[in-house]
N, C-alpha and C. Protein backbone atom coordinates (compact mmCIF):
# COMPACT_ATOMS: atom_id res chain seq x y z
N MET A 1 0.88 -1.14 0.12
CA MET A 1 0.23 -0.04 0.24
C MET A 1 0.70 1.26 -0.09
N THR A 2 0.96 2.17 -0.80
CA THR A 2 1.50 2.97 -1.41
C THR A 2 0.67 4.23 -1.01
N PRO A 3 1.74 5.34 0.13
CA PRO A 3 0.95 7.02 0.55
C PRO A 3 -0.18 7.39 -0.65
N GLU A 4 0.38 7.04 -2.16
CA GLU A 4 -0.59 7.47 -3.09
C GLU A 4 -1.97 7.12 -2.50
N MET A 5 -1.69 5.67 -2.33
CA MET A 5 -3.48 4.99 -2.39
C MET A 5 -3.67 5.58 -1.17
N VAL A 6 -3.34 5.43 0.06
CA VAL A 6 -3.57 6.54 1.28
C VAL A 6 -4.52 7.29 0.88
N LEU A 7 -3.51 8.09 0.36
CA LEU A 7 -4.42 9.76 0.06
C LEU A 7 -5.33 9.33 -0.42
N ASP A 8 -5.44 8.63 -2.04
CA ASP A 8 -6.51 8.63 -2.84
C ASP A 8 -7.60 8.20 -2.22
N ILE A 9 -8.03 7.01 -0.83
CA ILE A 9 -8.83 6.59 -0.04
C ILE A 9 -9.08 7.95 1.06
N GLY A 10 -8.39 8.43 1.22
CA GLY A 10 -8.25 9.65 2.39
C GLY A 10 -9.59 11.08 1.16
N LYS A 11 -8.60 11.13 0.23
CA LYS A 11 -9.48 12.24 -0.58
C LYS A 11 -10.90 11.73 -0.79
N GLU A 12 -11.47 10.88 -1.62
CA GLU A 12 -12.43 9.69 -1.62
C GLU A 12 -13.48 9.93 -0.48
N ALA A 13 -13.30 9.10 0.72
CA ALA A 13 -14.13 9.43 1.33
C ALA A 13 -14.02 10.75 1.99
N GLY A 14 -13.23 12.04 1.99
CA GLY A 14 -13.79 13.56 2.07
C GLY A 14 -14.78 13.48 1.32
N GLU A 15 -14.88 13.21 -0.57
CA GLU A 15 -16.10 13.79 -0.96
C GLU A 15 -17.38 13.12 -0.70
N ILE A 16 -16.85 11.97 -0.05
CA ILE A 16 -18.60 11.14 0.45
C ILE A 16 -18.83 12.30 1.02
N ILE A 17 -18.17 12.65 2.43
CA ILE A 17 -18.42 13.17 3.67
C ILE A 17 -19.56 13.81 3.23
N ILE A 18 -18.52 15.15 2.61
CA ILE A 18 -19.18 16.15 1.55
C ILE A 18 -20.39 15.94 0.86
N LEU A 19 -20.62 15.07 0.11
CA LEU A 19 -21.67 14.95 -0.74
C LEU A 19 -22.45 14.49 0.02
N LEU A 20 -23.04 13.40 1.33
CA LEU A 20 -23.86 13.28 2.29
C LEU A 20 -24.30 13.99 3.28
N SER A 21 -23.46 15.39 3.80
CA SER A 21 -23.97 15.97 4.67
C SER A 21 -24.72 17.17 4.33
N ALA A 22 -23.89 17.70 2.95
CA ALA A 22 -24.63 19.30 1.72
C ALA A 22 -26.16 18.87 2.13
N PRO A 23 -26.89 17.92 1.91
CA PRO A 23 -28.47 17.58 1.87
C PRO A 23 -29.16 18.50 2.92
N PRO A 24 -28.70 17.99 3.88
CA PRO A 24 -29.26 18.33 5.33
C PRO A 24 -28.85 19.90 5.84
N LEU A 25 -27.66 19.80 5.53
CA LEU A 25 -26.80 20.95 5.98
C LEU A 25 -27.51 22.90 4.98
N LEU A 26 -27.50 22.21 3.69
CA LEU A 26 -28.37 23.18 2.91
C LEU A 26 -30.01 23.43 3.35
N ALA A 27 -30.44 22.91 3.59
CA ALA A 27 -31.99 22.31 4.13
C ALA A 27 -32.69 23.38 5.44
N GLY A 28 -31.00 23.27 6.34
CA GLY A 28 -31.26 24.19 7.57
C GLY A 28 -30.58 25.88 7.56
N LEU A 29 -29.85 25.69 6.18
CA LEU A 29 -29.08 27.52 6.20
C LEU A 29 -30.20 27.84 5.39
N ILE A 30 -30.85 27.26 4.45
CA ILE A 30 -32.28 27.63 3.79
C ILE A 30 -32.90 28.00 4.05
N ILE A 31 -33.41 27.46 5.42
CA ILE A 31 -34.84 27.98 6.17
C ILE A 31 -34.67 28.76 7.11
N GLY A 32 -33.11 28.30 7.68
CA GLY A 32 -32.68 29.47 8.68
C GLY A 32 -33.00 31.16 7.95
N LEU A 33 -32.17 30.58 6.56
CA LEU A 33 -31.83 32.29 6.33
C LEU A 33 -33.49 33.22 5.80
N ILE A 34 -34.58 32.12 5.28
CA ILE A 34 -35.93 32.39 5.57
C ILE A 34 -36.58 32.76 6.58
N ILE A 35 -36.35 32.11 7.66
CA ILE A 35 -37.10 32.38 9.09
C ILE A 35 -36.32 33.61 9.31
N SER A 36 -35.10 33.54 9.19
CA SER A 36 -34.60 35.00 9.96
C SER A 36 -34.31 36.59 9.19
N MET A 37 -35.14 36.25 8.06
CA MET A 37 -35.69 36.98 7.31
C MET A 37 -37.11 37.93 7.97
N ILE A 38 -38.06 36.58 7.95
CA ILE A 38 -39.35 36.69 8.39
C ILE A 38 -39.27 37.70 9.63
N GLN A 39 -38.22 37.25 10.38
CA GLN A 39 -38.39 37.75 11.88
C GLN A 39 -38.12 39.07 12.28
N ALA A 40 -36.75 40.09 11.45
CA ALA A 40 -36.39 41.15 10.44
C ALA A 40 -37.37 42.13 10.84
N ALA A 41 -38.33 41.15 9.93
CA ALA A 41 -38.93 41.82 8.70
C ALA A 41 -40.74 42.02 10.44
N THR A 42 -40.59 41.11 10.62
CA THR A 42 -41.85 41.61 11.75
C THR A 42 -41.23 42.00 13.14
N GLN A 43 -39.97 42.73 13.21
CA GLN A 43 -40.03 42.64 15.15
C GLN A 43 -39.64 41.28 16.18
N ILE A 44 -40.25 39.97 15.57
CA ILE A 44 -39.94 39.05 16.25
C ILE A 44 -38.57 38.27 16.48
N GLN A 45 -37.89 38.59 17.82
CA GLN A 45 -36.67 37.86 18.03
C GLN A 45 -37.10 36.56 19.27
N GLU A 46 -37.46 35.88 18.66
CA GLU A 46 -37.48 34.92 19.47
C GLU A 46 -36.71 33.69 18.91
N MET A 47 -35.52 33.39 19.79
CA MET A 47 -34.43 32.30 19.25
C MET A 47 -35.05 31.34 18.76
N THR A 48 -35.91 30.42 19.66
CA THR A 48 -36.22 28.65 19.57
C THR A 48 -37.18 28.94 18.22
N LEU A 49 -38.10 30.04 17.53
CA LEU A 49 -38.72 30.21 16.69
C LEU A 49 -38.29 29.10 14.88
N SER A 50 -37.06 29.39 15.00
CA SER A 50 -36.77 29.12 13.54
C SER A 50 -36.22 27.31 13.98
N PHE A 51 -36.27 26.79 15.00
CA PHE A 51 -35.89 25.54 15.91
C PHE A 51 -36.65 24.47 14.73
N ILE A 52 -38.21 24.61 14.42
CA ILE A 52 -39.52 23.27 14.37
C ILE A 52 -39.61 23.16 12.45
N PRO A 53 -38.63 24.64 12.34
CA PRO A 53 -39.07 23.98 11.01
C PRO A 53 -37.60 23.86 10.12
N LYS A 54 -36.26 24.33 10.92
CA LYS A 54 -35.24 24.02 10.63
C LYS A 54 -35.72 21.97 10.97
N LEU A 55 -35.75 21.77 11.86
CA LEU A 55 -35.82 20.11 12.02
C LEU A 55 -37.20 19.61 11.11
N LEU A 56 -37.97 20.16 10.24
CA LEU A 56 -39.19 19.38 9.68
C LEU A 56 -37.75 19.68 8.35
N GLY A 57 -37.46 20.88 7.66
CA GLY A 57 -36.56 20.99 6.90
C GLY A 57 -35.62 19.72 6.55
N ILE A 58 -34.79 19.58 7.40
CA ILE A 58 -33.72 18.84 8.07
C ILE A 58 -34.32 17.58 7.27
N GLY A 59 -35.27 17.14 8.06
CA GLY A 59 -36.19 15.77 8.34
C GLY A 59 -36.69 15.36 6.50
N ALA A 60 -37.39 16.43 6.15
CA ALA A 60 -38.25 16.32 4.78
C ALA A 60 -36.29 16.05 3.47
N ALA A 61 -35.48 16.99 3.89
CA ALA A 61 -34.31 17.13 3.26
C ALA A 61 -33.38 15.05 3.30
N LEU A 62 -33.45 14.85 4.64
CA LEU A 62 -33.25 13.69 4.66
C LEU A 62 -34.03 12.07 3.92
N VAL A 63 -35.41 12.77 4.32
CA VAL A 63 -36.73 11.57 3.44
C VAL A 63 -35.96 11.69 1.33
N PHE A 64 -36.56 12.93 0.87
CA PHE A 64 -35.91 12.93 -0.39
C PHE A 64 -34.73 12.50 -0.68
N THR A 65 -33.63 12.93 -0.38
CA THR A 65 -32.20 12.09 -0.80
C THR A 65 -31.64 11.27 0.57
N GLY A 66 -32.42 10.35 1.35
CA GLY A 66 -32.19 9.07 1.73
C GLY A 66 -32.00 8.10 0.55
N HIS A 67 -32.43 7.77 -0.40
CA HIS A 67 -32.10 7.00 -0.89
C HIS A 67 -30.60 6.96 -1.66
N TRP A 68 -30.69 8.54 -2.16
CA TRP A 68 -29.07 8.46 -3.03
C TRP A 68 -28.30 8.72 -2.21
N MET A 69 -28.53 9.18 -0.64
CA MET A 69 -27.03 8.80 -0.23
C MET A 69 -26.63 7.28 0.81
N LEU A 70 -27.81 6.68 0.95
CA LEU A 70 -27.60 5.13 0.37
C LEU A 70 -27.23 4.58 -0.02
N SER A 71 -27.23 4.72 -1.23
CA SER A 71 -26.95 4.11 -2.29
C SER A 71 -25.62 4.75 -2.71
N LEU A 72 -24.71 5.51 -2.09
CA LEU A 72 -23.67 6.18 -2.27
C LEU A 72 -22.53 5.64 -1.23
N ILE A 73 -23.20 6.02 -0.15
CA ILE A 73 -22.27 5.07 0.64
C ILE A 73 -22.33 3.45 0.83
N THR A 74 -23.29 2.93 0.18
CA THR A 74 -22.76 1.42 0.28
C THR A 74 -22.20 0.98 -0.86
N ASP A 75 -22.23 2.03 -2.11
CA ASP A 75 -21.26 2.15 -3.75
C ASP A 75 -19.45 1.62 -3.27
N TYR A 76 -19.65 3.27 -1.89
CA TYR A 76 -17.90 3.95 -1.85
C TYR A 76 -18.07 2.07 -1.00
N VAL A 77 -18.80 1.78 -0.28
CA VAL A 77 -18.36 1.10 0.96
C VAL A 77 -17.81 -0.49 0.46
N THR A 78 -18.45 -0.87 -0.72
CA THR A 78 -18.20 -2.16 -1.36
C THR A 78 -17.09 -2.02 -2.79
N ARG A 79 -16.99 -0.34 -2.96
CA ARG A 79 -15.24 -0.45 -3.38
C ARG A 79 -14.59 -0.75 -2.99
N LEU A 80 -14.81 0.14 -1.54
CA LEU A 80 -13.06 -0.03 -0.71
C LEU A 80 -13.29 -1.67 -0.23
N TYR A 81 -14.34 -2.28 0.02
CA TYR A 81 -14.51 -3.93 0.42
C TYR A 81 -13.45 -4.59 -1.18
N HIS A 82 -13.71 -4.10 -2.20
CA HIS A 82 -13.64 -5.24 -3.35
C HIS A 82 -12.15 -4.66 -3.38
N SER A 83 -11.72 -3.66 -3.45
CA SER A 83 -10.15 -2.56 -4.04
C SER A 83 -8.96 -3.37 -2.45
N ILE A 84 -9.88 -4.05 -1.35
CA ILE A 84 -9.09 -4.81 -0.09
C ILE A 84 -7.56 -5.51 -0.69
N PRO A 85 -7.57 -6.57 -1.56
CA PRO A 85 -6.67 -7.42 -2.31
C PRO A 85 -5.30 -6.46 -2.98
N ASN A 86 -6.21 -5.57 -3.88
CA ASN A 86 -5.17 -4.48 -4.08
C ASN A 86 -4.46 -3.79 -3.36
N LEU A 87 -4.89 -3.76 -2.05
CA LEU A 87 -4.76 -2.71 -1.24
C LEU A 87 -3.29 -3.97 -0.55
N ILE A 88 -3.44 -4.89 -0.22
CA ILE A 88 -2.84 -5.86 0.21
C ILE A 88 -1.06 -6.11 -0.79
N GLY A 89 -1.70 -6.30 -1.46
CA GLY A 89 -0.63 -7.26 -2.14
C GLY A 89 0.13 -6.44 -2.92
């Protein structure tokens, strides 16, 4: 196993982590931005007001992208398991 192989595996793992975390984080970011604009316009400064919409939005993002996320991680793990003989020898 060469250092280049280790770096390639780490790079691909980092890309997978970014892809897996993007949908819920973007949903939370967009909903938080919308709620903060509504709070600024209505002068309501309640910190807990955005919690439930963010929670529902992140849940919806996980429901809609869950199949894609699951297939992405299982494909990566399957490729990693199949490459074990090449990494050892």
